[in-house]
């Protein structure tokens, strides 16, 4: 494993190195963090779509944006985490595991 200095502390990289080491599985805390990020992205997206279809459209409000920049970043992070997880283990169960 390689260690990278980040803010003065050594952080082990999850990715394997060039000698063929495989990536370590995610721990309980990392899985919980991924699940929380994906859940936040889904809730924010659902709230934005609800606002657009049930509040703005019936009142004739033409809103150019539904989500803020920070909400979009959370959504992009969630998609990147799910895509990375699927690329590590490309099966249908990996999308459910998060």
N, C-alpha and C. Protein backbone atom coordinates (compact mmCIF):
# COMPACT_ATOMS: atom_id res chain seq x y z
N UNK A 1 0.83 -1.18 0.00
CA UNK A 1 0.00 0.00 0.00
C UNK A 1 0.88 1.24 0.00
N UNK A 2 0.43 2.25 -0.70
CA UNK A 2 1.11 3.54 -0.69
C UNK A 2 0.49 4.42 0.38
N UNK A 3 1.26 5.33 0.90
CA UNK A 3 0.72 6.33 1.83
C UNK A 3 0.92 7.70 1.21
N UNK A 4 -0.08 8.54 1.32
CA UNK A 4 -0.03 9.88 0.75
C UNK A 4 -0.17 10.87 1.89
N UNK A 5 0.65 11.90 1.91
CA UNK A 5 0.55 12.92 2.94
C UNK A 5 -0.57 13.89 2.58
N UNK A 6 -1.57 13.96 3.42
CA UNK A 6 -2.68 14.88 3.22
C UNK A 6 -2.88 15.62 4.53
N UNK A 7 -2.58 16.90 4.52
CA UNK A 7 -2.77 17.70 5.73
C UNK A 7 -1.93 17.22 6.90
N UNK A 8 -0.75 16.63 6.62
CA UNK A 8 0.14 16.21 7.67
C UNK A 8 -0.11 14.81 8.18
N UNK A 9 -1.13 14.09 7.71
CA UNK A 9 -1.37 12.72 8.17
C UNK A 9 -1.30 11.77 6.99
N UNK A 10 -0.84 10.57 7.26
CA UNK A 10 -0.73 9.57 6.20
C UNK A 10 -2.09 8.93 5.97
N UNK A 11 -2.52 8.92 4.73
CA UNK A 11 -3.80 8.31 4.38
C UNK A 11 -3.51 7.18 3.40
N UNK A 12 -3.95 5.98 3.75
CA UNK A 12 -3.72 4.86 2.86
C UNK A 12 -4.65 4.95 1.66
N UNK A 13 -4.10 4.70 0.51
CA UNK A 13 -4.90 4.72 -0.70
C UNK A 13 -5.66 3.41 -0.82
N UNK A 14 -6.92 3.48 -1.25
CA UNK A 14 -7.71 2.28 -1.42
C UNK A 14 -7.33 1.55 -2.70
N UNK A 15 -6.84 2.28 -3.68
CA UNK A 15 -6.48 1.66 -4.95
C UNK A 15 -5.19 0.87 -4.80
N UNK A 16 -5.06 -0.20 -5.54
CA UNK A 16 -3.84 -0.99 -5.52
C UNK A 16 -2.71 -0.27 -6.23
N UNK A 17 -1.52 -0.78 -6.07
CA UNK A 17 -0.38 -0.15 -6.70
C UNK A 17 0.00 -0.90 -7.97
N UNK A 18 1.09 -0.50 -8.58
CA UNK A 18 1.52 -1.05 -9.86
C UNK A 18 2.00 -2.50 -9.72
N UNK A 19 2.31 -2.99 -8.52
CA UNK A 19 2.76 -4.36 -8.34
C UNK A 19 1.61 -5.36 -8.31
N UNK A 20 0.40 -4.92 -8.57
CA UNK A 20 -0.72 -5.82 -8.69
C UNK A 20 -1.53 -6.01 -7.43
N UNK A 21 -1.35 -5.17 -6.44
CA UNK A 21 -2.19 -5.29 -5.25
C UNK A 21 -3.61 -4.89 -5.61
N UNK A 22 -4.54 -5.58 -5.01
CA UNK A 22 -5.94 -5.26 -5.29
C UNK A 22 -6.44 -4.23 -4.30
N UNK A 23 -7.52 -3.59 -4.65
CA UNK A 23 -8.11 -2.58 -3.79
C UNK A 23 -8.69 -3.25 -2.55
N UNK A 24 -8.59 -2.58 -1.42
CA UNK A 24 -9.18 -3.11 -0.18
C UNK A 24 -10.67 -2.87 -0.20
N UNK A 25 -11.44 -3.80 0.38
CA UNK A 25 -12.89 -3.58 0.43
C UNK A 25 -13.22 -2.41 1.36
N UNK A 26 -14.34 -1.80 1.09
CA UNK A 26 -14.77 -0.67 1.91
C UNK A 26 -15.14 -1.15 3.31
N UNK A 27 -14.78 -0.34 4.29
CA UNK A 27 -15.15 -0.65 5.66
C UNK A 27 -16.57 -0.18 5.95
N UNK A 28 -17.00 -0.41 7.16
CA UNK A 28 -18.36 -0.07 7.56
C UNK A 28 -18.60 1.44 7.48
N UNK A 29 -17.62 2.24 7.92
CA UNK A 29 -17.79 3.69 7.89
C UNK A 29 -17.85 4.22 6.47
N UNK A 30 -17.02 3.66 5.58
CA UNK A 30 -17.02 4.11 4.20
C UNK A 30 -18.33 3.74 3.50
N UNK A 31 -18.83 2.54 3.77
CA UNK A 31 -20.10 2.13 3.18
C UNK A 31 -21.23 3.05 3.64
N UNK A 32 -21.21 3.40 4.92
CA UNK A 32 -22.24 4.28 5.47
C UNK A 32 -22.16 5.67 4.84
N UNK A 33 -20.93 6.15 4.63
CA UNK A 33 -20.75 7.46 4.00
C UNK A 33 -21.28 7.45 2.57
N UNK A 34 -20.97 6.40 1.83
CA UNK A 34 -21.45 6.29 0.45
C UNK A 34 -22.98 6.24 0.45
N UNK A 35 -23.56 5.45 1.34
CA UNK A 35 -25.02 5.34 1.41
C UNK A 35 -25.64 6.69 1.77
N UNK A 36 -25.03 7.43 2.68
CA UNK A 36 -25.56 8.75 3.05
C UNK A 36 -25.48 9.73 1.89
N UNK A 37 -24.40 9.71 1.13
CA UNK A 37 -24.25 10.62 -0.01
C UNK A 37 -25.29 10.30 -1.08
N UNK A 38 -25.47 9.02 -1.37
CA UNK A 38 -26.46 8.63 -2.38
C UNK A 38 -27.87 8.98 -1.91
N UNK A 39 -28.16 8.74 -0.64
CA UNK A 39 -29.48 9.09 -0.11
C UNK A 39 -29.73 10.59 -0.17
N UNK A 40 -28.72 11.39 0.17
CA UNK A 40 -28.87 12.85 0.10
C UNK A 40 -29.13 13.30 -1.33
N UNK A 41 -28.42 12.71 -2.28
CA UNK A 41 -28.63 13.07 -3.69
C UNK A 41 -30.03 12.71 -4.15
N UNK A 42 -30.53 11.55 -3.74
CA UNK A 42 -31.88 11.14 -4.13
C UNK A 42 -32.94 12.04 -3.51
N UNK A 43 -32.77 12.40 -2.24
CA UNK A 43 -33.74 13.27 -1.58
C UNK A 43 -33.75 14.65 -2.21
N UNK A 44 -32.56 15.21 -2.46
CA UNK A 44 -32.49 16.55 -3.07
C UNK A 44 -33.08 16.55 -4.47
N UNK A 45 -32.81 15.50 -5.24
CA UNK A 45 -33.37 15.41 -6.59
C UNK A 45 -34.88 15.27 -6.55
N UNK A 46 -35.38 14.44 -5.64
CA UNK A 46 -36.83 14.27 -5.52
C UNK A 46 -37.51 15.57 -5.09
N UNK A 47 -36.88 16.30 -4.16
CA UNK A 47 -37.46 17.58 -3.73
C UNK A 47 -37.48 18.59 -4.88
N UNK A 48 -36.42 18.62 -5.67
CA UNK A 48 -36.37 19.52 -6.82
C UNK A 48 -37.43 19.19 -7.87
N UNK A 49 -37.59 17.89 -8.15
CA UNK A 49 -38.60 17.48 -9.13
C UNK A 49 -40.00 17.74 -8.60
N UNK A 50 -40.22 17.49 -7.30
CA UNK A 50 -41.53 17.77 -6.70
C UNK A 50 -41.85 19.26 -6.83
N UNK A 51 -40.89 20.11 -6.51
CA UNK A 51 -41.11 21.55 -6.63
C UNK A 51 -41.45 21.94 -8.06
N UNK A 52 -40.70 21.39 -9.01
CA UNK A 52 -40.92 21.75 -10.41
C UNK A 52 -42.31 21.34 -10.89
N UNK A 53 -42.70 20.09 -10.62
CA UNK A 53 -43.94 19.57 -11.18
C UNK A 53 -45.19 19.91 -10.36
N UNK A 54 -45.06 20.06 -9.04
CA UNK A 54 -46.25 20.26 -8.22
C UNK A 54 -46.40 21.67 -7.66
N UNK A 55 -45.37 22.48 -7.76
CA UNK A 55 -45.47 23.86 -7.28
C UNK A 55 -45.30 24.85 -8.43
N UNK A 56 -44.19 24.75 -9.15
CA UNK A 56 -43.87 25.74 -10.17
C UNK A 56 -44.79 25.63 -11.39
N UNK A 57 -44.92 24.45 -11.97
CA UNK A 57 -45.73 24.31 -13.19
C UNK A 57 -47.20 24.65 -12.98
N UNK A 58 -47.87 24.19 -11.93
CA UNK A 58 -49.28 24.57 -11.76
C UNK A 58 -49.50 26.07 -11.59
N UNK A 59 -48.52 26.76 -11.07
CA UNK A 59 -48.66 28.22 -10.88
C UNK A 59 -48.13 29.02 -12.06
N UNK A 60 -47.65 28.34 -13.07
CA UNK A 60 -47.15 29.02 -14.25
C UNK A 60 -45.77 29.64 -14.07
N UNK A 61 -45.03 29.19 -13.09
CA UNK A 61 -43.69 29.72 -12.85
C UNK A 61 -42.71 28.97 -13.75
N UNK A 62 -41.96 29.71 -14.53
CA UNK A 62 -40.96 29.11 -15.41
C UNK A 62 -39.58 29.31 -14.77
N UNK A 63 -39.16 28.34 -14.01
CA UNK A 63 -37.88 28.43 -13.30
C UNK A 63 -36.76 27.90 -14.19
N UNK A 64 -35.70 28.69 -14.40
CA UNK A 64 -34.61 28.22 -15.25
C UNK A 64 -33.77 27.12 -14.59
N UNK A 65 -33.78 27.06 -13.27
CA UNK A 65 -33.03 26.02 -12.55
C UNK A 65 -33.92 25.40 -11.49
N UNK A 66 -33.65 24.14 -11.17
CA UNK A 66 -34.39 23.45 -10.12
C UNK A 66 -33.49 23.20 -8.91
N UNK A 67 -32.26 22.81 -9.17
CA UNK A 67 -31.31 22.50 -8.11
C UNK A 67 -30.22 23.57 -8.04
N UNK A 68 -29.68 23.77 -6.85
CA UNK A 68 -28.57 24.70 -6.71
C UNK A 68 -27.27 24.00 -7.11
N UNK A 69 -26.20 24.77 -7.16
CA UNK A 69 -24.91 24.22 -7.54
C UNK A 69 -24.45 23.15 -6.55
N UNK A 70 -24.63 23.39 -5.27
CA UNK A 70 -24.18 22.42 -4.27
C UNK A 70 -24.97 21.12 -4.36
N UNK A 71 -26.26 21.20 -4.66
CA UNK A 71 -27.07 20.00 -4.82
C UNK A 71 -26.64 19.21 -6.05
N UNK A 72 -26.27 19.92 -7.10
CA UNK A 72 -25.78 19.26 -8.30
C UNK A 72 -24.45 18.56 -8.03
N UNK A 73 -23.60 19.17 -7.22
CA UNK A 73 -22.33 18.53 -6.87
C UNK A 73 -22.54 17.26 -6.06
N UNK A 74 -23.51 17.26 -5.15
CA UNK A 74 -23.82 16.05 -4.39
C UNK A 74 -24.32 14.96 -5.33
N UNK A 75 -25.17 15.33 -6.29
CA UNK A 75 -25.67 14.37 -7.26
C UNK A 75 -24.53 13.79 -8.10
N UNK A 76 -23.63 14.64 -8.56
CA UNK A 76 -22.49 14.17 -9.36
C UNK A 76 -21.57 13.25 -8.54
N UNK A 77 -21.36 13.58 -7.28
CA UNK A 77 -20.54 12.73 -6.41
C UNK A 77 -21.20 11.37 -6.22
N UNK A 78 -22.50 11.35 -6.02
CA UNK A 78 -23.21 10.09 -5.85
C UNK A 78 -23.12 9.22 -7.10
N UNK A 79 -23.29 9.83 -8.25
CA UNK A 79 -23.18 9.08 -9.51
C UNK A 79 -21.76 8.54 -9.69
N UNK A 80 -20.76 9.35 -9.36
CA UNK A 80 -19.36 8.92 -9.48
C UNK A 80 -19.07 7.76 -8.52
N UNK A 81 -19.58 7.82 -7.30
CA UNK A 81 -19.37 6.74 -6.34
C UNK A 81 -20.02 5.44 -6.81
N UNK A 82 -21.26 5.54 -7.31
CA UNK A 82 -21.93 4.34 -7.80
C UNK A 82 -21.24 3.77 -9.04
N UNK A 83 -20.80 4.64 -9.94
CA UNK A 83 -20.11 4.18 -11.14
C UNK A 83 -18.78 3.52 -10.80
N UNK A 84 -18.06 4.10 -9.85
CA UNK A 84 -16.79 3.51 -9.43
C UNK A 84 -17.01 2.15 -8.80
N UNK A 85 -18.00 2.05 -7.95
CA UNK A 85 -18.31 0.77 -7.31
C UNK A 85 -18.68 -0.27 -8.35
N UNK A 86 -19.46 0.12 -9.34
CA UNK A 86 -19.85 -0.83 -10.39
C UNK A 86 -18.66 -1.23 -11.25
N UNK A 87 -17.76 -0.28 -11.53
CA UNK A 87 -16.58 -0.61 -12.33
C UNK A 87 -15.64 -1.56 -11.60
N UNK A 88 -15.59 -1.48 -10.26
CA UNK A 88 -14.77 -2.40 -9.49
C UNK A 88 -15.34 -3.81 -9.53
N UNK A 89 -16.65 -3.94 -9.41
CA UNK A 89 -17.33 -5.24 -9.46
C UNK A 89 -18.57 -5.09 -10.34
N UNK A 90 -18.43 -5.32 -11.64
CA UNK A 90 -19.55 -5.06 -12.56
C UNK A 90 -20.64 -6.12 -12.49
N UNK A 91 -21.50 -6.00 -11.51
CA UNK A 91 -22.68 -6.85 -11.42
C UNK A 91 -23.83 -6.02 -10.86
N UNK A 92 -25.02 -6.56 -10.97
CA UNK A 92 -26.20 -5.81 -10.52
C UNK A 92 -26.20 -5.59 -9.01
N UNK A 93 -25.63 -6.53 -8.27
CA UNK A 93 -25.62 -6.42 -6.80
C UNK A 93 -24.75 -5.27 -6.33
N UNK A 94 -23.74 -4.89 -7.09
CA UNK A 94 -22.86 -3.81 -6.65
C UNK A 94 -23.58 -2.47 -6.62
N UNK A 95 -24.60 -2.30 -7.43
CA UNK A 95 -25.38 -1.05 -7.37
C UNK A 95 -26.23 -1.00 -6.12
N UNK A 96 -26.70 -2.15 -5.66
CA UNK A 96 -27.48 -2.18 -4.42
C UNK A 96 -26.60 -2.05 -3.19
N UNK A 97 -25.38 -2.59 -3.26
CA UNK A 97 -24.47 -2.54 -2.10
C UNK A 97 -24.00 -1.13 -1.82
N UNK A 98 -23.83 -0.33 -2.88
CA UNK A 98 -23.37 1.04 -2.70
C UNK A 98 -21.94 1.18 -2.31
